[in-house]
């Protein structure tokens, strides 16, 4: 966008073409004039102590324990570093890592021995079978 302004395109036209406001163009031109580039300023505030420690610890831990849930990763981090974090903090730290680690959403315990494969779970309404778009009888016939 600034290259277009540098080539002589009027600011109003560049603003419309690139869908930015005139104040944005002025702000970027001023920032480039004062600093030499238009990179955003760093976010103010203290650096994250927990986040830095977690991001340093996570890659090797994920390699060894890829099947852990966020809660299990959180517990392992707390044991290793004596620093409390939430499962959400662990999830955000994993999301920031390169490679896009998959997140396990359910615990690793064995499934219930009383539930038969293909049987509806407690959260499914009764009278419905999996994959059916209408209520069915226990014999698997669709009700009218």
C-alpha atoms as a PDB file:
ATOM      1  CA  UNK A   1       0.000   0.000   0.000  1.00  0.00           C
ATOM      2  CA  UNK A   2       2.791   2.418   0.862  1.00  0.00           C
ATOM      3  CA  UNK A   3       4.578   1.443  -2.374  1.00  0.00           C
ATOM      4  CA  UNK A   4       1.516   2.682  -4.287  1.00  0.00           C
ATOM      5  CA  UNK A   5       1.649   6.001  -2.433  1.00  0.00           C
ATOM      6  CA  UNK A   6       5.397   6.168  -3.149  1.00  0.00           C
ATOM      7  CA  UNK A   7       4.674   5.659  -6.870  1.00  0.00           C
ATOM      8  CA  UNK A   8       2.423   8.711  -6.825  1.00  0.00           C
ATOM      9  CA  UNK A   9      -1.017   7.174  -6.372  1.00  0.00           C
ATOM     10  CA  UNK A  10      -3.150   9.706  -4.468  1.00  0.00           C
ATOM     11  CA  UNK A  11      -3.689   8.750  -0.817  1.00  0.00           C
ATOM     12  CA  UNK A  12      -7.483   8.766  -1.186  1.00  0.00           C
ATOM     13  CA  UNK A  13      -7.289   6.337  -4.110  1.00  0.00           C
ATOM     14  CA  UNK A  14      -4.827   4.077  -2.255  1.00  0.00           C
ATOM     15  CA  UNK A  15      -7.115   4.103   0.801  1.00  0.00           C
ATOM     16  CA  UNK A  16     -10.077   2.941  -1.307  1.00  0.00           C
ATOM     17  CA  UNK A  17      -8.028   0.393  -3.256  1.00  0.00           C
ATOM     18  CA  UNK A  18      -6.550  -1.251  -0.141  1.00  0.00           C
ATOM     19  CA  UNK A  19      -9.617  -0.731   2.098  1.00  0.00           C
ATOM     20  CA  UNK A  20      -7.798   1.306   4.743  1.00  0.00           C
ATOM     21  CA  UNK A  21      -8.626   4.666   6.224  1.00  0.00           C
ATOM     22  CA  UNK A  22      -6.767   7.895   5.557  1.00  0.00           C
ATOM     23  CA  UNK A  23      -5.582   8.071   9.183  1.00  0.00           C
ATOM     24  CA  UNK A  24      -4.053   4.584   8.761  1.00  0.00           C
ATOM     25  CA  UNK A  25      -2.083   5.722   5.718  1.00  0.00           C
ATOM     26  CA  UNK A  26      -0.903   8.821   7.587  1.00  0.00           C
ATOM     27  CA  UNK A  27       0.047   6.738  10.640  1.00  0.00           C
ATOM     28  CA  UNK A  28       2.037   4.230   8.525  1.00  0.00           C
ATOM     29  CA  UNK A  29       3.815   7.010   6.614  1.00  0.00           C
ATOM     30  CA  UNK A  30       4.706   8.731   9.908  1.00  0.00           C
ATOM     31  CA  UNK A  31       5.942   5.458  11.438  1.00  0.00           C
ATOM     32  CA  UNK A  32       8.099   4.728   8.383  1.00  0.00           C
ATOM     33  CA  UNK A  33       9.488   8.269   8.435  1.00  0.00           C
ATOM     34  CA  UNK A  34      10.347   8.056  12.171  1.00  0.00           C
ATOM     35  CA  UNK A  35      11.567   4.452  12.450  1.00  0.00           C
ATOM     36  CA  UNK A  36      12.461   3.411   8.918  1.00  0.00           C
ATOM     37  CA  UNK A  37       9.841   0.650   8.704  1.00  0.00           C
ATOM     38  CA  UNK A  38       6.176   0.025   9.432  1.00  0.00           C
ATOM     39  CA  UNK A  39       6.510  -2.998  11.711  1.00  0.00           C
ATOM     40  CA  UNK A  40       4.048  -2.872  14.597  1.00  0.00           C
ATOM     41  CA  UNK A  41       5.331  -1.712  17.939  1.00  0.00           C
ATOM     42  CA  UNK A  42       5.866  -4.414  20.561  1.00  0.00           C
ATOM     43  CA  UNK A  43       2.936  -5.039  22.867  1.00  0.00           C
ATOM     44  CA  UNK A  44       3.565  -3.141  26.094  1.00  0.00           C
ATOM     45  CA  UNK A  45       3.898  -4.898  29.409  1.00  0.00           C
ATOM     46  CA  UNK A  46       6.064  -7.465  31.083  1.00  0.00           C
ATOM     47  CA  UNK A  47       7.025 -10.582  29.155  1.00  0.00           C
ATOM     48  CA  UNK A  48       5.108 -13.716  30.052  1.00  0.00           C
ATOM     49  CA  UNK A  49       7.108 -15.707  32.597  1.00  0.00           C
ATOM     50  CA  UNK A  50       4.792 -18.719  32.596  1.00  0.00           C
ATOM     51  CA  UNK A  51       4.385 -18.651  28.821  1.00  0.00           C
ATOM     52  CA  UNK A  52       8.125 -18.575  28.144  1.00  0.00           C
ATOM     53  CA  UNK A  53       8.777 -21.470  30.529  1.00  0.00           C
ATOM     54  CA  UNK A  54       5.851 -23.454  29.111  1.00  0.00           C
ATOM     55  CA  UNK A  55       6.873 -22.907  25.476  1.00  0.00           C
ATOM     56  CA  UNK A  56      10.430 -24.004  26.268  1.00  0.00           C
ATOM     57  CA  UNK A  57       9.246 -27.136  28.097  1.00  0.00           C
ATOM     58  CA  UNK A  58       6.406 -28.217  25.773  1.00  0.00           C
ATOM     59  CA  UNK A  59       8.132 -29.482  22.568  1.00  0.00           C
ATOM     60  CA  UNK A  60      10.144 -32.245  24.229  1.00  0.00           C
ATOM     61  CA  UNK A  61       7.222 -33.139  26.493  1.00  0.00           C
ATOM     62  CA  UNK A  62       4.845 -33.385  23.518  1.00  0.00           C
ATOM     63  CA  UNK A  63       7.269 -35.697  21.719  1.00  0.00           C
ATOM     64  CA  UNK A  64       7.278 -38.064  24.697  1.00  0.00           C
ATOM     65  CA  UNK A  65       3.581 -37.769  25.620  1.00  0.00           C
ATOM     66  CA  UNK A  66       1.637 -36.964  22.466  1.00  0.00           C
ATOM     67  CA  UNK A  67      -1.478 -38.740  23.739  1.00  0.00           C
ATOM     68  CA  UNK A  68      -1.915 -36.636  26.894  1.00  0.00           C
ATOM     69  CA  UNK A  69      -4.966 -34.421  27.347  1.00  0.00           C
ATOM     70  CA  UNK A  70      -4.510 -30.702  28.093  1.00  0.00           C
ATOM     71  CA  UNK A  71      -5.208 -31.429  31.760  1.00  0.00           C
ATOM     72  CA  UNK A  72      -2.499 -34.106  31.824  1.00  0.00           C
ATOM     73  CA  UNK A  73      -0.019 -31.749  30.114  1.00  0.00           C
ATOM     74  CA  UNK A  74      -0.922 -29.081  32.703  1.00  0.00           C
ATOM     75  CA  UNK A  75      -0.340 -31.469  35.606  1.00  0.00           C
ATOM     76  CA  UNK A  76       3.006 -32.598  34.167  1.00  0.00           C
ATOM     77  CA  UNK A  77       4.128 -28.977  33.692  1.00  0.00           C
ATOM     78  CA  UNK A  78       3.161 -28.118  37.266  1.00  0.00           C
ATOM     79  CA  UNK A  79       5.142 -31.089  38.566  1.00  0.00           C
ATOM     80  CA  UNK A  80       8.172 -30.222  36.438  1.00  0.00           C
ATOM     81  CA  UNK A  81       8.249 -26.481  37.098  1.00  0.00           C
ATOM     82  CA  UNK A  82       6.181 -25.874  40.238  1.00  0.00           C
ATOM     83  CA  UNK A  83       4.294 -23.238  38.228  1.00  0.00           C
ATOM     84  CA  UNK A  84       0.487 -23.312  38.074  1.00  0.00           C
ATOM     85  CA  UNK A  85      -1.152 -22.879  34.675  1.00  0.00           C
ATOM     86  CA  UNK A  86      -4.615 -23.598  33.315  1.00  0.00           C
ATOM     87  CA  UNK A  87      -5.464 -26.125  30.610  1.00  0.00           C
ATOM     88  CA  UNK A  88      -6.412 -23.159  28.399  1.00  0.00           C
ATOM     89  CA  UNK A  89      -2.906 -21.711  28.817  1.00  0.00           C
ATOM     90  CA  UNK A  90      -1.426 -25.057  27.786  1.00  0.00           C
ATOM     91  CA  UNK A  91      -3.748 -25.209  24.767  1.00  0.00           C
ATOM     92  CA  UNK A  92      -2.775 -21.702  23.622  1.00  0.00           C
ATOM     93  CA  UNK A  93       0.921 -22.507  24.052  1.00  0.00           C
ATOM     94  CA  UNK A  94       0.535 -25.670  21.969  1.00  0.00           C
ATOM     95  CA  UNK A  95      -1.340 -23.732  19.276  1.00  0.00           C
ATOM     96  CA  UNK A  96       1.565 -21.248  19.028  1.00  0.00           C
ATOM     97  CA  UNK A  97       4.117 -24.016  18.459  1.00  0.00           C
ATOM     98  CA  UNK A  98       5.222 -24.669  14.890  1.00  0.00           C
ATOM     99  CA  UNK A  99       3.905 -27.890  13.418  1.00  0.00           C
ATOM    100  CA  UNK A 100       0.323 -27.643  14.679  1.00  0.00           C
ATOM    101  CA  UNK A 101       0.224 -30.328  17.364  1.00  0.00           C
ATOM    102  CA  UNK A 102      -3.077 -32.204  17.514  1.00  0.00           C
ATOM    103  CA  UNK A 103      -4.988 -31.757  20.737  1.00  0.00           C
ATOM    104  CA  UNK A 104      -6.455 -34.827  22.436  1.00  0.00           C
ATOM    105  CA  UNK A 105      -9.919 -33.908  23.627  1.00  0.00           C
ATOM    106  CA  UNK A 106     -10.867 -36.894  25.799  1.00  0.00           C
ATOM    107  CA  UNK A 107      -9.187 -38.841  28.595  1.00  0.00           C
ATOM    108  CA  UNK A 108      -7.316 -42.057  27.893  1.00  0.00           C
ATOM    109  CA  UNK A 109      -9.367 -44.312  30.155  1.00  0.00           C
ATOM    110  CA  UNK A 110     -10.879 -47.424  28.638  1.00  0.00           C
ATOM    111  CA  UNK A 111     -14.469 -47.139  27.360  1.00  0.00           C
ATOM    112  CA  UNK A 112     -17.288 -48.363  29.539  1.00  0.00           C
ATOM    113  CA  UNK A 113     -17.637 -52.149  29.553  1.00  0.00           C
ATOM    114  CA  UNK A 114     -21.432 -51.802  29.787  1.00  0.00           C
ATOM    115  CA  UNK A 115     -21.817 -49.809  26.570  1.00  0.00           C
ATOM    116  CA  UNK A 116     -22.051 -51.877  23.417  1.00  0.00           C
ATOM    117  CA  UNK A 117     -20.317 -50.652  20.247  1.00  0.00           C
ATOM    118  CA  UNK A 118     -22.769 -48.657  18.120  1.00  0.00           C
ATOM    119  CA  UNK A 119     -25.207 -48.203  20.998  1.00  0.00           C
ATOM    120  CA  UNK A 120     -26.384 -44.639  21.587  1.00  0.00           C
ATOM    121  CA  UNK A 121     -24.672 -42.798  24.398  1.00  0.00           C
ATOM    122  CA  UNK A 122     -26.439 -41.172  27.323  1.00  0.00           C
ATOM    123  CA  UNK A 123     -26.271 -37.811  25.534  1.00  0.00           C
ATOM    124  CA  UNK A 124     -28.237 -39.073  22.502  1.00  0.00           C
ATOM    125  CA  UNK A 125     -32.028 -38.888  22.663  1.00  0.00           C
ATOM    126  CA  UNK A 126     -33.824 -42.203  23.024  1.00  0.00           C
ATOM    127  CA  UNK A 127     -35.663 -43.500  19.985  1.00  0.00           C
ATOM    128  CA  UNK A 128     -32.932 -42.358  17.592  1.00  0.00           C
ATOM    129  CA  UNK A 129     -30.297 -44.552  16.041  1.00  0.00           C
ATOM    130  CA  UNK A 130     -26.882 -43.383  14.935  1.00  0.00           C
ATOM    131  CA  UNK A 131     -26.819 -42.164  11.361  1.00  0.00           C
ATOM    132  CA  UNK A 132     -30.599 -42.057  11.116  1.00  0.00           C
ATOM    133  CA  UNK A 133     -32.293 -38.752  10.439  1.00  0.00           C
ATOM    134  CA  UNK A 134     -35.587 -39.801  11.996  1.00  0.00           C
ATOM    135  CA  UNK A 135     -36.740 -41.729  15.084  1.00  0.00           C
ATOM    136  CA  UNK A 136     -36.694 -45.483  14.759  1.00  0.00           C
ATOM    137  CA  UNK A 137     -37.971 -48.424  16.695  1.00  0.00           C
ATOM    138  CA  UNK A 138     -35.714 -50.858  18.482  1.00  0.00           C
ATOM    139  CA  UNK A 139     -35.994 -53.110  15.418  1.00  0.00           C
ATOM    140  CA  UNK A 140     -34.354 -50.386  13.316  1.00  0.00           C
ATOM    141  CA  UNK A 141     -37.487 -49.489  11.311  1.00  0.00           C
ATOM    142  CA  UNK A 142     -38.225 -45.839  10.680  1.00  0.00           C
ATOM    143  CA  UNK A 143     -41.366 -44.552  12.387  1.00  0.00           C
ATOM    144  CA  UNK A 144     -43.974 -42.750  10.260  1.00  0.00           C
END
